[in-house]
Amino acid sequence: MKAVILAGGLGSRLRPFTEAIPKPLLPIGEQSLLEIQITRLKHFGVEEVFLATNYKSEYVRSFMGDGSRYGIKLTVSHEEKPLGTAGPVRLLREHLTEPFFLMNGDILSTVDFAKMYEFATSLESDLCVGIKKIITPFAFGNVFHEGNFVTGIEEKPNIETDIIAGIYVMKPGIFDHIPENTYFGMDHLILSMLDKKVPVAKYSIWELWLDIGQLPDYEKAQEIYEQHFKNGPGA
């Protein structure tokens, strides 16, 4: 199996840390975020990883090397201009001739990649989107009414939303839907496929999942590292 990790973002919401270090290389416990991701991918059968980079590309290349110390083959791909979250994959078309993972470089998850891959490849779809149910407490009571009279109340209901989790499985046919050398996000890709009535599959992630987008998320990542990641994926 192969995987592409998007490691080119500016990480502006994590400044000042990312002014010196690209976000995927921020330390979490005893490892960088990228090292945790790669270790988990390898555990579930991924043998080759491509890092799609832009910001501080040479920093990433010198830190990660060729992947040999992680037991995988690793290649750093550099985009000359920002290409969004789907555009960088197009640069790797000749290398991705079988189904592969695409993953944001700021995601921590204990998802079973092998199960997700098996599920995605069993479906007639070139794109399988990992989704995660997020439950957000609501601070106010919900009032139901008809005309001038209250008919019921719901005290501080939780808001449940299925969000895009930043983990995907793609098949080579996906390249027919991604324009070359063009800024193209995953949202553009999904909406374009749906508009053309092209099937897009989904895979529900029930395991631990964290998007490290802001400083509180980074602090939370440090907390969960000890329990879920310190001793490796097989622990």
Protein backbone atom coordinates (compact mmCIF):
# COMPACT_ATOMS: atom_id res chain seq x y z
CA MET A 1 0.00 0.00 0.00
CA LYS A 2 0.98 3.60 -0.58
CA ALA A 3 0.03 6.86 1.12
CA VAL A 4 0.31 10.57 0.43
CA ILE A 5 0.56 12.91 3.42
CA LEU A 6 -0.18 16.60 2.87
CA ALA A 7 2.70 18.31 4.66
CA GLY A 8 2.87 21.70 2.96
CA GLY A 9 0.56 23.95 4.98
CA LEU A 10 1.70 27.15 6.69
CA GLY A 11 0.18 26.21 10.05
CA SER A 12 -0.65 29.86 10.67
CA ARG A 13 -3.07 29.05 13.50
CA LEU A 14 -0.24 27.35 15.41
CA ARG A 15 2.13 30.29 15.41
CA PRO A 16 4.61 31.02 16.89
CA PHE A 17 5.59 27.31 16.86
CA THR A 18 5.27 27.00 13.09
CA GLU A 19 7.40 30.05 12.35
CA ALA A 20 10.45 27.84 12.92
CA ILE A 21 9.08 24.32 12.39
CA PRO A 22 6.54 23.13 9.77
CA LYS A 23 3.37 21.89 11.46
CA PRO A 24 3.76 18.18 10.55
CA LEU A 25 7.14 18.15 12.33
CA LEU A 26 5.92 19.67 15.59
CA PRO A 27 6.94 17.43 18.50
CA ILE A 28 4.27 15.38 20.20
CA GLY A 29 5.69 13.45 23.09
CA GLU A 30 8.92 11.86 21.89
CA GLN A 31 8.12 12.00 18.16
CA SER A 32 7.02 14.44 15.51
CA LEU A 33 3.46 14.34 14.23
CA LEU A 34 4.67 13.00 10.87
CA GLU A 35 6.62 10.20 12.52
CA ILE A 36 3.53 9.11 14.46
CA GLN A 37 1.46 9.07 11.27
CA ILE A 38 4.07 7.12 9.31
CA THR A 39 4.56 4.58 12.10
CA ARG A 40 0.81 3.88 12.19
CA LEU A 41 0.53 3.66 8.41
CA LYS A 42 3.41 1.17 8.30
CA HIS A 43 1.81 -0.92 11.04
CA PHE A 44 -1.24 -1.41 8.82
CA GLY A 45 0.69 -2.33 5.69
CA VAL A 46 1.74 0.92 3.99
CA GLU A 47 5.19 0.46 2.45
CA GLU A 48 5.69 3.73 0.56
CA VAL A 49 4.84 7.28 1.63
CA PHE A 50 4.92 10.50 -0.39
CA LEU A 51 5.10 13.81 1.45
CA ALA A 52 3.44 16.63 -0.49
CA THR A 53 5.28 19.76 0.64
CA ASN A 54 5.45 23.48 0.04
CA TYR A 55 6.28 25.52 3.17
CA LYS A 56 9.76 24.67 4.48
CA SER A 57 10.05 21.75 2.07
CA GLU A 58 13.81 21.33 2.53
CA TYR A 59 13.36 21.26 6.30
CA VAL A 60 10.95 18.36 5.93
CA ARG A 61 13.25 16.56 3.48
CA SER A 62 16.33 16.83 5.68
CA PHE A 63 14.45 15.77 8.83
CA MET A 64 12.63 12.76 7.36
CA GLY A 65 15.33 11.39 5.06
CA ASP A 66 14.50 8.51 2.73
CA GLY A 67 12.26 6.69 5.20
CA SER A 68 14.70 3.86 5.88
CA ARG A 69 14.76 4.50 9.62
CA TYR A 70 10.99 4.01 9.65
CA GLY A 71 11.12 0.87 7.52
CA ILE A 72 9.40 2.43 4.52
CA LYS A 73 10.29 4.12 1.24
CA LEU A 74 9.75 7.86 1.53
CA THR A 75 9.69 10.50 -1.22
CA VAL A 76 9.30 14.26 -0.75
CA SER A 77 7.27 15.98 -3.46
CA HIS A 78 7.55 19.76 -3.71
CA GLU A 79 4.90 21.95 -5.31
CA GLU A 80 6.23 25.10 -6.97
CA LYS A 81 3.03 26.97 -6.11
CA PRO A 82 0.19 26.22 -3.67
CA LEU A 83 -2.08 23.54 -5.13
CA GLY A 84 -4.58 23.09 -2.30
CA THR A 85 -5.39 19.74 -0.70
CA ALA A 86 -6.19 17.74 -3.85
CA GLY A 87 -3.93 19.44 -6.42
CA PRO A 88 -0.63 18.08 -5.01
CA VAL A 89 -1.79 14.50 -5.62
CA ARG A 90 -1.84 15.18 -9.37
CA LEU A 91 1.95 15.67 -9.27
CA LEU A 92 2.33 12.04 -8.17
CA ARG A 93 0.11 10.47 -10.80
CA GLU A 94 2.82 8.26 -12.34
CA HIS A 95 3.67 6.79 -8.92
CA LEU A 96 0.12 6.06 -7.78
CA THR A 97 -1.09 3.25 -10.01
CA GLU A 98 -3.00 1.41 -7.29
CA PRO A 99 -5.44 2.52 -4.55
CA PHE A 100 -3.72 4.77 -2.00
CA PHE A 101 -4.33 6.82 1.12
CA LEU A 102 -4.38 10.60 1.21
CA MET A 103 -4.04 12.12 4.67
CA ASN A 104 -3.76 15.60 6.08
CA GLY A 105 -0.46 16.17 7.87
CA ASP A 106 -2.13 17.49 11.02
CA ILE A 107 -4.31 14.51 11.94
CA LEU A 108 -3.80 12.11 14.84
CA SER A 109 -5.98 9.00 14.76
CA THR A 110 -6.02 5.40 15.89
CA VAL A 111 -8.14 4.41 12.88
CA ASP A 112 -7.54 0.91 11.51
CA PHE A 113 -6.10 1.82 8.10
CA ALA A 114 -6.25 -1.78 6.89
CA LYS A 115 -10.00 -2.00 7.49
CA MET A 116 -10.59 1.36 5.84
CA TYR A 117 -8.53 0.32 2.80
CA GLU A 118 -10.36 -3.00 2.46
CA PHE A 119 -13.73 -1.27 2.73
CA ALA A 120 -12.87 1.47 0.22
CA THR A 121 -11.41 -0.85 -2.39
CA SER A 122 -14.48 -3.10 -2.26
CA LEU A 123 -16.72 -0.28 -3.52
CA GLU A 124 -17.26 1.05 -7.03
CA SER A 125 -15.91 4.52 -6.25
CA ASP A 126 -12.63 6.30 -6.95
CA LEU A 127 -12.89 8.25 -3.70
CA CYS A 128 -13.73 7.15 -0.17
CA VAL A 129 -13.97 9.95 2.38
CA GLY A 130 -13.24 9.25 6.03
CA ILE A 131 -15.87 10.97 8.20
CA LYS A 132 -16.03 11.53 11.94
CA LYS A 133 -19.07 12.29 14.11
CA ILE A 134 -18.44 15.38 16.24
CA ILE A 135 -20.74 16.08 19.19
CA THR A 136 -20.81 19.72 20.31
CA PRO A 137 -22.68 20.73 23.48
CA PHE A 138 -25.16 23.56 22.86
CA ALA A 139 -25.27 26.29 25.50
CA PHE A 140 -28.98 27.13 25.26
CA GLY A 141 -32.28 25.33 25.44
CA ASN A 142 -34.19 24.73 22.21
CA VAL A 143 -37.80 26.00 22.16
CA PHE A 144 -40.54 24.51 19.97
CA HIS A 145 -43.61 26.62 19.34
CA GLU A 146 -46.70 27.11 17.23
CA GLY A 147 -48.09 30.63 16.84
CA ASN A 148 -47.98 32.40 20.20
CA PHE A 149 -47.63 29.25 22.32
CA VAL A 150 -44.73 27.05 23.39
CA THR A 151 -45.25 23.39 22.52
CA GLY A 152 -42.08 21.96 24.01
CA ILE A 153 -38.51 22.53 25.05
CA GLU A 154 -35.27 20.62 24.70
CA GLU A 155 -32.73 21.56 27.34
CA LYS A 156 -29.25 22.27 25.92
CA PRO A 157 -29.28 19.63 23.15
CA ASN A 158 -26.04 18.31 21.71
CA ILE A 159 -25.30 19.19 18.08
CA GLU A 160 -24.14 16.15 16.10
CA THR A 161 -22.25 16.73 12.86
CA ASP A 162 -20.46 14.33 10.51
CA ILE A 163 -17.29 16.09 9.37
CA ILE A 164 -14.63 15.31 6.78
CA ALA A 165 -11.82 13.70 8.77
CA GLY A 166 -8.93 14.45 6.43
CA ILE A 167 -8.26 10.77 5.66
CA TYR A 168 -9.18 9.38 2.24
CA VAL A 169 -8.68 6.33 0.05
CA MET A 170 -8.34 7.09 -3.66
CA LYS A 171 -8.12 4.93 -6.75
CA PRO A 172 -6.12 5.92 -9.86
CA GLY A 173 -9.33 6.94 -11.61
CA ILE A 174 -9.41 9.98 -9.30
CA PHE A 175 -6.83 11.70 -11.52
CA ASP A 176 -9.51 12.18 -14.16
CA HIS A 177 -11.19 14.57 -11.72
CA ILE A 178 -8.17 16.63 -10.56
CA PRO A 179 -6.92 19.36 -12.93
CA GLU A 180 -3.19 19.65 -13.58
CA ASN A 181 -1.12 22.47 -12.04
CA THR A 182 -4.22 24.09 -10.55
CA TYR A 183 -5.18 25.04 -6.99
CA PHE A 184 -7.81 22.43 -6.19
CA GLY A 185 -9.10 21.53 -2.74
CA MET A 186 -10.72 18.34 -1.54
CA ASP A 187 -13.97 20.27 -1.20
CA HIS A 188 -13.74 21.23 -4.88
CA LEU A 189 -13.04 17.62 -5.80
CA ILE A 190 -15.96 16.17 -3.84
CA LEU A 191 -18.44 18.78 -5.03
CA SER A 192 -17.27 18.37 -8.63
CA MET A 193 -17.71 14.61 -8.49
CA LEU A 194 -21.16 14.90 -6.90
CA ASP A 195 -22.18 17.48 -9.49
CA LYS A 196 -21.23 14.98 -12.23
CA LYS A 197 -23.14 12.20 -10.42
CA VAL A 198 -19.89 10.33 -9.81
CA PRO A 199 -20.19 8.14 -6.67
CA VAL A 200 -18.28 9.23 -3.57
CA ALA A 201 -18.06 6.66 -0.76
CA LYS A 202 -17.74 7.35 2.96
CA TYR A 203 -16.10 5.48 5.83
CA SER A 204 -17.06 6.24 9.43
CA ILE A 205 -14.13 6.59 11.81
CA TRP A 206 -15.16 5.51 15.30
CA GLU A 207 -11.66 5.45 16.74
CA LEU A 208 -9.81 8.34 18.37
CA TRP A 209 -9.37 11.28 15.99
CA LEU A 210 -7.88 14.72 16.51
CA ASP A 211 -7.31 17.60 14.09
CA ILE A 212 -4.38 19.65 15.35
CA GLY A 213 -5.47 22.98 13.93
CA GLN A 214 -5.11 25.33 16.89
CA LEU A 215 -3.07 25.65 20.06
CA PRO A 216 -5.66 23.94 22.34
CA ASP A 217 -5.63 20.96 19.94
CA TYR A 218 -1.84 20.79 20.13
CA GLU A 219 -2.02 20.79 23.92
CA LYS A 220 -4.61 17.99 23.78
CA ALA A 221 -2.36 15.98 21.46
CA GLN A 222 0.36 16.06 24.10
CA GLU A 223 -2.10 14.68 26.64
CA ILE A 224 -3.31 11.74 24.53
CA TYR A 225 0.15 10.80 23.28
CA GLU A 226 1.07 8.93 26.47
CA GLN A 227 -2.02 6.72 26.35
CA HIS A 228 -2.48 6.09 22.64
CA PHE A 229 0.79 6.61 20.78
CA LYS A 230 3.85 6.42 23.03
CA ASN A 231 4.20 2.63 22.92
CA GLY A 232 3.48 2.30 19.19
CA PRO A 233 0.41 1.19 17.23
CA GLY A 234 0.59 -2.42 18.40
CA ALA A 235 0.48 -1.55 22.10
